[in-house]
Amino acid sequence: MLPWLQSNINFPLSGDVNQRIEPDWFFGSIGAEVGDGEIEREVFQKVASYGRQIGVLTDVLLSIIDQLDLDEGRIDALAALKTLHARVAEVKASKKERLQERARALLDKLEKSDAEAFKQLIDDYSARR
């Protein structure tokens, strides 16, 4: 490129991007007065994500809630919780279907490009079962 054509001018929404994307920033930003970021990180990484924790609580709540006598306001809140629970289940089912579709597509591609590698992979996987 000719030196006189080079420019250090960046238009809006263009140019270098400097963004921190590792997840540790979140846990490191938890203030001592509200929790312990190290414990939060370890629980999140080794035990359960926040979604999994909330899912367990929702399952327990929904399993016992029908035994209670609720007033109108709480019935509306329960309906909203049931709707959220159903929508989460739909997202999970959709993800499972997409994952299966991708796996099938990759296996089909492997079978067409390298039948022997495909057979070996299937045999290895079947042996693990």
N, C-alpha and C. Protein backbone atom coordinates (compact mmCIF):
# COMPACT_ATOMS: atom_id res chain seq x y z
N MET A 1 0.85 -1.17 0.00
CA MET A 1 0.00 0.00 0.00
C MET A 1 0.90 1.24 0.00
N LEU A 2 0.45 2.24 -0.70
CA LEU A 2 1.21 3.48 -0.76
C LEU A 2 1.11 4.21 0.57
N PRO A 3 2.25 4.71 1.08
CA PRO A 3 2.24 5.36 2.39
C PRO A 3 1.25 6.50 2.50
N TRP A 4 1.05 7.24 1.44
CA TRP A 4 0.16 8.39 1.51
C TRP A 4 -1.31 7.98 1.52
N LEU A 5 -1.60 6.68 1.25
CA LEU A 5 -2.98 6.19 1.32
C LEU A 5 -3.33 5.63 2.69
N GLN A 6 -2.31 5.40 3.51
CA GLN A 6 -2.57 4.86 4.83
C GLN A 6 -3.15 5.94 5.73
N SER A 7 -4.04 5.51 6.60
CA SER A 7 -4.69 6.48 7.48
C SER A 7 -4.90 5.87 8.84
N ASN A 8 -4.78 6.68 9.86
CA ASN A 8 -5.07 6.26 11.22
C ASN A 8 -6.44 6.75 11.66
N ILE A 9 -7.26 7.13 10.72
CA ILE A 9 -8.60 7.62 11.03
C ILE A 9 -9.54 6.43 11.10
N ASN A 10 -10.32 6.37 12.17
CA ASN A 10 -11.33 5.32 12.32
C ASN A 10 -12.71 5.96 12.29
N PHE A 11 -13.57 5.40 11.49
CA PHE A 11 -14.94 5.87 11.45
C PHE A 11 -15.70 5.33 12.66
N PRO A 12 -16.84 5.91 12.99
CA PRO A 12 -17.62 5.38 14.12
C PRO A 12 -17.92 3.89 13.93
N LEU A 13 -17.84 3.15 15.02
CA LEU A 13 -18.08 1.71 15.05
C LEU A 13 -17.08 0.92 14.22
N SER A 14 -15.89 1.48 14.01
CA SER A 14 -14.85 0.74 13.30
C SER A 14 -13.55 0.89 14.06
N GLY A 15 -12.55 0.22 13.62
CA GLY A 15 -11.24 0.35 14.25
C GLY A 15 -10.99 -0.73 15.28
N ASP A 16 -9.96 -0.51 16.07
CA ASP A 16 -9.55 -1.49 17.06
C ASP A 16 -10.61 -1.65 18.14
N VAL A 17 -10.72 -2.86 18.62
CA VAL A 17 -11.64 -3.16 19.71
C VAL A 17 -10.83 -3.67 20.88
N ASN A 18 -11.01 -3.08 22.02
CA ASN A 18 -10.32 -3.51 23.22
C ASN A 18 -11.39 -3.84 24.24
N GLN A 19 -11.69 -5.13 24.37
CA GLN A 19 -12.79 -5.55 25.23
C GLN A 19 -12.35 -6.74 26.06
N ARG A 20 -12.64 -6.70 27.32
CA ARG A 20 -12.34 -7.80 28.22
C ARG A 20 -13.48 -8.80 28.14
N ILE A 21 -13.20 -10.04 27.73
CA ILE A 21 -14.27 -11.00 27.52
C ILE A 21 -14.19 -12.21 28.44
N GLU A 22 -13.14 -12.35 29.23
CA GLU A 22 -13.08 -13.51 30.11
C GLU A 22 -14.10 -13.35 31.24
N PRO A 23 -14.68 -14.45 31.72
CA PRO A 23 -15.76 -14.35 32.70
C PRO A 23 -15.31 -13.93 34.10
N ASP A 24 -14.04 -13.95 34.40
CA ASP A 24 -13.59 -13.62 35.75
C ASP A 24 -13.91 -12.19 36.16
N TRP A 25 -14.12 -11.30 35.20
CA TRP A 25 -14.42 -9.91 35.57
C TRP A 25 -15.69 -9.85 36.41
N PHE A 26 -16.65 -10.73 36.12
CA PHE A 26 -17.91 -10.69 36.86
C PHE A 26 -17.69 -11.05 38.32
N PHE A 27 -17.04 -12.14 38.56
CA PHE A 27 -16.84 -12.60 39.93
C PHE A 27 -15.92 -11.65 40.70
N GLY A 28 -14.96 -11.06 40.00
CA GLY A 28 -14.07 -10.11 40.64
C GLY A 28 -14.74 -8.80 41.01
N SER A 29 -15.88 -8.53 40.39
CA SER A 29 -16.57 -7.27 40.68
C SER A 29 -17.58 -7.39 41.80
N ILE A 30 -17.73 -8.57 42.39
CA ILE A 30 -18.65 -8.74 43.51
C ILE A 30 -18.03 -8.12 44.75
N GLY A 31 -18.69 -7.12 45.28
CA GLY A 31 -18.17 -6.41 46.44
C GLY A 31 -18.21 -7.26 47.70
N ALA A 32 -17.27 -7.04 48.60
CA ALA A 32 -17.18 -7.82 49.84
C ALA A 32 -18.43 -7.68 50.70
N GLU A 33 -19.12 -6.54 50.57
CA GLU A 33 -20.32 -6.33 51.39
C GLU A 33 -21.52 -7.16 50.92
N VAL A 34 -21.47 -7.68 49.69
CA VAL A 34 -22.60 -8.46 49.17
C VAL A 34 -22.27 -9.93 48.95
N GLY A 35 -21.02 -10.31 49.05
CA GLY A 35 -20.67 -11.71 48.84
C GLY A 35 -19.18 -11.90 48.67
N ASP A 36 -18.81 -13.10 48.32
CA ASP A 36 -17.41 -13.47 48.13
C ASP A 36 -17.25 -13.96 46.69
N GLY A 37 -16.60 -13.15 45.86
CA GLY A 37 -16.43 -13.49 44.46
C GLY A 37 -15.72 -14.81 44.22
N GLU A 38 -14.75 -15.14 45.07
CA GLU A 38 -14.03 -16.41 44.90
C GLU A 38 -14.95 -17.60 45.13
N ILE A 39 -15.78 -17.50 46.17
CA ILE A 39 -16.74 -18.59 46.44
C ILE A 39 -17.74 -18.68 45.31
N GLU A 40 -18.26 -17.53 44.84
CA GLU A 40 -19.23 -17.52 43.74
C GLU A 40 -18.64 -18.19 42.50
N ARG A 41 -17.39 -17.84 42.17
CA ARG A 41 -16.74 -18.43 41.00
C ARG A 41 -16.61 -19.94 41.16
N GLU A 42 -16.15 -20.38 42.32
CA GLU A 42 -15.95 -21.81 42.53
C GLU A 42 -17.26 -22.58 42.48
N VAL A 43 -18.30 -22.04 43.09
CA VAL A 43 -19.62 -22.70 43.03
C VAL A 43 -20.09 -22.76 41.59
N PHE A 44 -19.96 -21.64 40.88
CA PHE A 44 -20.41 -21.57 39.49
C PHE A 44 -19.67 -22.57 38.62
N GLN A 45 -18.35 -22.70 38.81
CA GLN A 45 -17.54 -23.57 37.98
C GLN A 45 -17.60 -25.04 38.39
N LYS A 46 -17.72 -25.32 39.70
CA LYS A 46 -17.61 -26.71 40.17
C LYS A 46 -18.92 -27.34 40.60
N VAL A 47 -19.92 -26.52 40.93
CA VAL A 47 -21.16 -27.07 41.47
C VAL A 47 -22.31 -26.88 40.51
N ALA A 48 -22.72 -25.64 40.31
CA ALA A 48 -23.87 -25.39 39.44
C ALA A 48 -23.91 -23.92 39.03
N SER A 49 -24.32 -23.69 37.79
CA SER A 49 -24.51 -22.32 37.32
C SER A 49 -25.71 -21.71 38.02
N TYR A 50 -25.85 -20.39 37.86
CA TYR A 50 -27.00 -19.74 38.48
C TYR A 50 -28.30 -20.29 37.89
N GLY A 51 -28.31 -20.55 36.60
CA GLY A 51 -29.50 -21.11 35.97
C GLY A 51 -29.88 -22.46 36.54
N ARG A 52 -28.88 -23.30 36.78
CA ARG A 52 -29.15 -24.62 37.35
C ARG A 52 -29.68 -24.48 38.78
N GLN A 53 -29.09 -23.57 39.54
CA GLN A 53 -29.54 -23.36 40.92
C GLN A 53 -30.99 -22.86 40.93
N ILE A 54 -31.30 -21.90 40.08
CA ILE A 54 -32.66 -21.38 40.01
C ILE A 54 -33.62 -22.46 39.51
N GLY A 55 -33.16 -23.28 38.58
CA GLY A 55 -34.00 -24.37 38.06
C GLY A 55 -34.38 -25.36 39.15
N VAL A 56 -33.43 -25.71 40.01
CA VAL A 56 -33.72 -26.63 41.11
C VAL A 56 -34.74 -26.00 42.06
N LEU A 57 -34.54 -24.74 42.40
CA LEU A 57 -35.49 -24.06 43.28
C LEU A 57 -36.89 -23.99 42.65
N THR A 58 -36.94 -23.71 41.36
CA THR A 58 -38.23 -23.65 40.66
C THR A 58 -38.92 -25.01 40.67
N ASP A 59 -38.17 -26.07 40.40
CA ASP A 59 -38.74 -27.42 40.42
C ASP A 59 -39.31 -27.76 41.79
N VAL A 60 -38.59 -27.44 42.84
CA VAL A 60 -39.07 -27.72 44.20
C VAL A 60 -40.32 -26.91 44.49
N LEU A 61 -40.28 -25.64 44.18
CA LEU A 61 -41.42 -24.77 44.43
C LEU A 61 -42.66 -25.24 43.68
N LEU A 62 -42.49 -25.56 42.41
CA LEU A 62 -43.65 -26.01 41.62
C LEU A 62 -44.17 -27.35 42.10
N SER A 63 -43.32 -28.19 42.67
CA SER A 63 -43.78 -29.49 43.15
C SER A 63 -44.62 -29.39 44.42
N ILE A 64 -44.45 -28.33 45.21
CA ILE A 64 -45.21 -28.21 46.46
C ILE A 64 -46.28 -27.12 46.41
N ILE A 65 -46.25 -26.25 45.42
CA ILE A 65 -47.12 -25.08 45.40
C ILE A 65 -48.60 -25.42 45.30
N ASP A 66 -48.95 -26.49 44.59
CA ASP A 66 -50.36 -26.84 44.42
C ASP A 66 -51.02 -27.26 45.72
N GLN A 67 -50.23 -27.56 46.72
CA GLN A 67 -50.78 -27.96 48.02
C GLN A 67 -51.16 -26.76 48.87
N LEU A 68 -50.82 -25.56 48.41
CA LEU A 68 -51.07 -24.36 49.19
C LEU A 68 -52.33 -23.65 48.72
N ASP A 69 -52.94 -22.91 49.63
CA ASP A 69 -54.10 -22.10 49.32
C ASP A 69 -53.60 -20.69 49.03
N LEU A 70 -53.59 -20.30 47.76
CA LEU A 70 -53.01 -19.03 47.36
C LEU A 70 -54.08 -17.99 47.08
N ASP A 71 -53.75 -16.73 47.41
CA ASP A 71 -54.66 -15.65 47.05
C ASP A 71 -54.43 -15.27 45.59
N GLU A 72 -55.29 -14.39 45.06
CA GLU A 72 -55.28 -14.06 43.63
C GLU A 72 -53.92 -13.55 43.14
N GLY A 73 -53.27 -12.67 43.90
CA GLY A 73 -51.98 -12.14 43.49
C GLY A 73 -50.92 -13.21 43.38
N ARG A 74 -50.93 -14.11 44.30
CA ARG A 74 -49.94 -15.19 44.27
C ARG A 74 -50.25 -16.19 43.16
N ILE A 75 -51.52 -16.35 42.84
CA ILE A 75 -51.89 -17.24 41.74
C ILE A 75 -51.34 -16.68 40.43
N ASP A 76 -51.40 -15.35 40.26
CA ASP A 76 -50.84 -14.73 39.06
C ASP A 76 -49.32 -14.91 39.01
N ALA A 77 -48.67 -14.74 40.14
CA ALA A 77 -47.22 -14.94 40.20
C ALA A 77 -46.87 -16.39 39.89
N LEU A 78 -47.66 -17.32 40.39
CA LEU A 78 -47.43 -18.74 40.11
C LEU A 78 -47.60 -19.02 38.62
N ALA A 79 -48.60 -18.42 38.01
CA ALA A 79 -48.82 -18.62 36.57
C ALA A 79 -47.61 -18.09 35.79
N ALA A 80 -47.08 -16.95 36.21
CA ALA A 80 -45.90 -16.40 35.55
C ALA A 80 -44.70 -17.33 35.71
N LEU A 81 -44.53 -17.89 36.90
CA LEU A 81 -43.43 -18.82 37.15
C LEU A 81 -43.58 -20.07 36.28
N LYS A 82 -44.80 -20.58 36.19
CA LYS A 82 -45.04 -21.77 35.35
C LYS A 82 -44.75 -21.47 33.88
N THR A 83 -45.09 -20.27 33.43
CA THR A 83 -44.81 -19.88 32.04
C THR A 83 -43.30 -19.81 31.81
N LEU A 84 -42.59 -19.18 32.74
CA LEU A 84 -41.12 -19.13 32.61
C LEU A 84 -40.52 -20.52 32.59
N HIS A 85 -41.00 -21.38 33.47
CA HIS A 85 -40.49 -22.75 33.56
C HIS A 85 -40.71 -23.47 32.23
N ALA A 86 -41.88 -23.30 31.64
CA ALA A 86 -42.19 -23.95 30.37
C ALA A 86 -41.32 -23.40 29.24
N ARG A 87 -41.09 -22.09 29.25
CA ARG A 87 -40.26 -21.48 28.21
C ARG A 87 -38.81 -21.94 28.32
N VAL A 88 -38.30 -22.08 29.53
CA VAL A 88 -36.95 -22.60 29.72
C VAL A 88 -36.86 -24.03 29.18
N ALA A 89 -37.89 -24.84 29.47
CA ALA A 89 -37.91 -26.21 28.96
C ALA A 89 -37.92 -26.23 27.44
N GLU A 90 -38.63 -25.30 26.81
CA GLU A 90 -38.66 -25.23 25.35
C GLU A 90 -37.28 -24.88 24.79
N VAL A 91 -36.60 -23.94 25.42
CA VAL A 91 -35.26 -23.56 24.97
C VAL A 91 -34.31 -24.75 25.09
N LYS A 92 -34.39 -25.45 26.21
CA LYS A 92 -33.52 -26.62 26.40
C LYS A 92 -33.80 -27.70 25.36
N ALA A 93 -35.08 -27.95 25.08
CA ALA A 93 -35.43 -28.96 24.08
C ALA A 93 -34.93 -28.54 22.70
N SER A 94 -35.08 -27.27 22.38
CA SER A 94 -34.63 -26.77 21.09
C SER A 94 -33.12 -26.91 20.96
N LYS A 95 -32.39 -26.59 22.03
CA LYS A 95 -30.94 -26.73 22.00
C LYS A 95 -30.55 -28.19 21.79
N LYS A 96 -31.23 -29.08 22.47
CA LYS A 96 -30.94 -30.50 22.32
C LYS A 96 -31.16 -30.94 20.87
N GLU A 97 -32.25 -30.48 20.27
CA GLU A 97 -32.53 -30.82 18.87
C GLU A 97 -31.46 -30.27 17.94
N ARG A 98 -31.05 -29.02 18.16
CA ARG A 98 -30.01 -28.42 17.32
C ARG A 98 -28.69 -29.16 17.47
N LEU A 99 -28.37 -29.57 18.68
CA LEU A 99 -27.13 -30.31 18.92
C LEU A 99 -27.16 -31.65 18.19
N GLN A 100 -28.29 -32.32 18.25
CA GLN A 100 -28.42 -33.60 17.53
C GLN A 100 -28.29 -33.39 16.03
N GLU A 101 -28.90 -32.33 15.51
CA GLU A 101 -28.80 -32.05 14.08
C GLU A 101 -27.35 -31.78 13.67
N ARG A 102 -26.63 -31.00 14.49
CA ARG A 102 -25.22 -30.72 14.17
C ARG A 102 -24.39 -31.99 14.23
N ALA A 103 -24.66 -32.84 15.23
CA ALA A 103 -23.91 -34.09 15.36
C ALA A 103 -24.16 -34.98 14.15
N ARG A 104 -25.42 -35.08 13.74
CA ARG A 104 -25.74 -35.89 12.56
C ARG A 104 -25.04 -35.35 11.32
N ALA A 105 -25.07 -34.03 11.15
CA ALA A 105 -24.43 -33.42 9.98
C ALA A 105 -22.94 -33.69 9.98
N LEU A 106 -22.30 -33.58 11.14
CA LEU A 106 -20.85 -33.85 11.21
C LEU A 106 -20.55 -35.32 10.95
N LEU A 107 -21.38 -36.20 11.49
CA LEU A 107 -21.16 -37.62 11.24
C LEU A 107 -21.37 -37.96 9.77
N ASP A 108 -22.39 -37.37 9.15
CA ASP A 108 -22.62 -37.59 7.72
C ASP A 108 -21.42 -37.11 6.91
N LYS A 109 -20.90 -35.94 7.28
CA LYS A 109 -19.74 -35.38 6.58
C LYS A 109 -18.52 -36.28 6.74
N LEU A 110 -18.29 -36.78 7.96
CA LEU A 110 -17.16 -37.67 8.20
C LEU A 110 -17.32 -38.96 7.41
N GLU A 111 -18.53 -39.50 7.41
CA GLU A 111 -18.77 -40.76 6.70
C GLU A 111 -18.49 -40.61 5.20
N LYS A 112 -18.88 -39.46 4.63
CA LYS A 112 -18.66 -39.24 3.20
C LYS A 112 -17.19 -39.00 2.89
N SER A 113 -16.49 -38.31 3.78
CA SER A 113 -15.10 -37.97 3.48
C SER A 113 -14.11 -39.05 3.90
N ASP A 114 -14.45 -39.81 4.95
CA ASP A 114 -13.52 -40.83 5.44
C ASP A 114 -14.32 -41.94 6.12
N ALA A 115 -14.79 -42.88 5.33
CA ALA A 115 -15.67 -43.94 5.83
C ALA A 115 -14.99 -44.76 6.92
N GLU A 116 -13.69 -44.99 6.78
CA GLU A 116 -12.97 -45.79 7.78
C GLU A 116 -12.90 -45.05 9.12
N ALA A 117 -12.61 -43.76 9.09
CA ALA A 117 -12.57 -42.96 10.34
C ALA A 117 -13.96 -42.91 10.97
N PHE A 118 -14.98 -42.81 10.14
CA PHE A 118 -16.35 -42.82 10.64
C PHE A 118 -16.65 -44.14 11.36
N LYS A 119 -16.32 -45.24 10.73
CA LYS A 119 -16.56 -46.56 11.33
C LYS A 119 -15.80 -46.70 12.63
N GLN A 120 -14.53 -46.26 12.66
CA GLN A 120 -13.72 -46.35 13.88
C GLN A 120 -14.33 -45.52 15.00
N LEU A 121 -14.80 -44.33 14.68
CA LEU A 121 -15.43 -43.47 15.68
C LEU A 121 -16.69 -44.12 16.25
N ILE A 122 -17.52 -44.66 15.39
CA ILE A 122 -18.75 -45.32 15.84
C ILE A 122 -18.41 -46.53 16.70
N ASP A 123 -17.44 -47.30 16.28
CA ASP A 123 -17.03 -48.47 17.05
C ASP A 123 -16.49 -48.06 18.44
N ASP A 124 -15.64 -47.03 18.46
CA ASP A 124 -15.08 -46.56 19.72
C ASP A 124 -16.18 -46.06 20.65
N TYR A 125 -17.10 -45.32 20.09
CA TYR A 125 -18.19 -44.78 20.90
C TYR A 125 -19.09 -45.90 21.43
N SER A 126 -19.40 -46.85 20.58
CA SER A 126 -20.25 -47.98 20.98
C SER A 126 -19.59 -48.82 22.07
N ALA A 127 -18.27 -48.94 22.01
CA ALA A 127 -17.54 -49.71 23.01
C ALA A 127 -17.59 -49.05 24.37
N ARG A 128 -17.71 -47.73 24.40
CA ARG A 128 -17.80 -46.99 25.68
C ARG A 128 -19.16 -47.19 26.34
N ARG A 129 -20.14 -47.55 25.61
CA ARG A 129 -21.49 -47.69 26.13
C ARG A 129 -21.59 -49.01 26.81
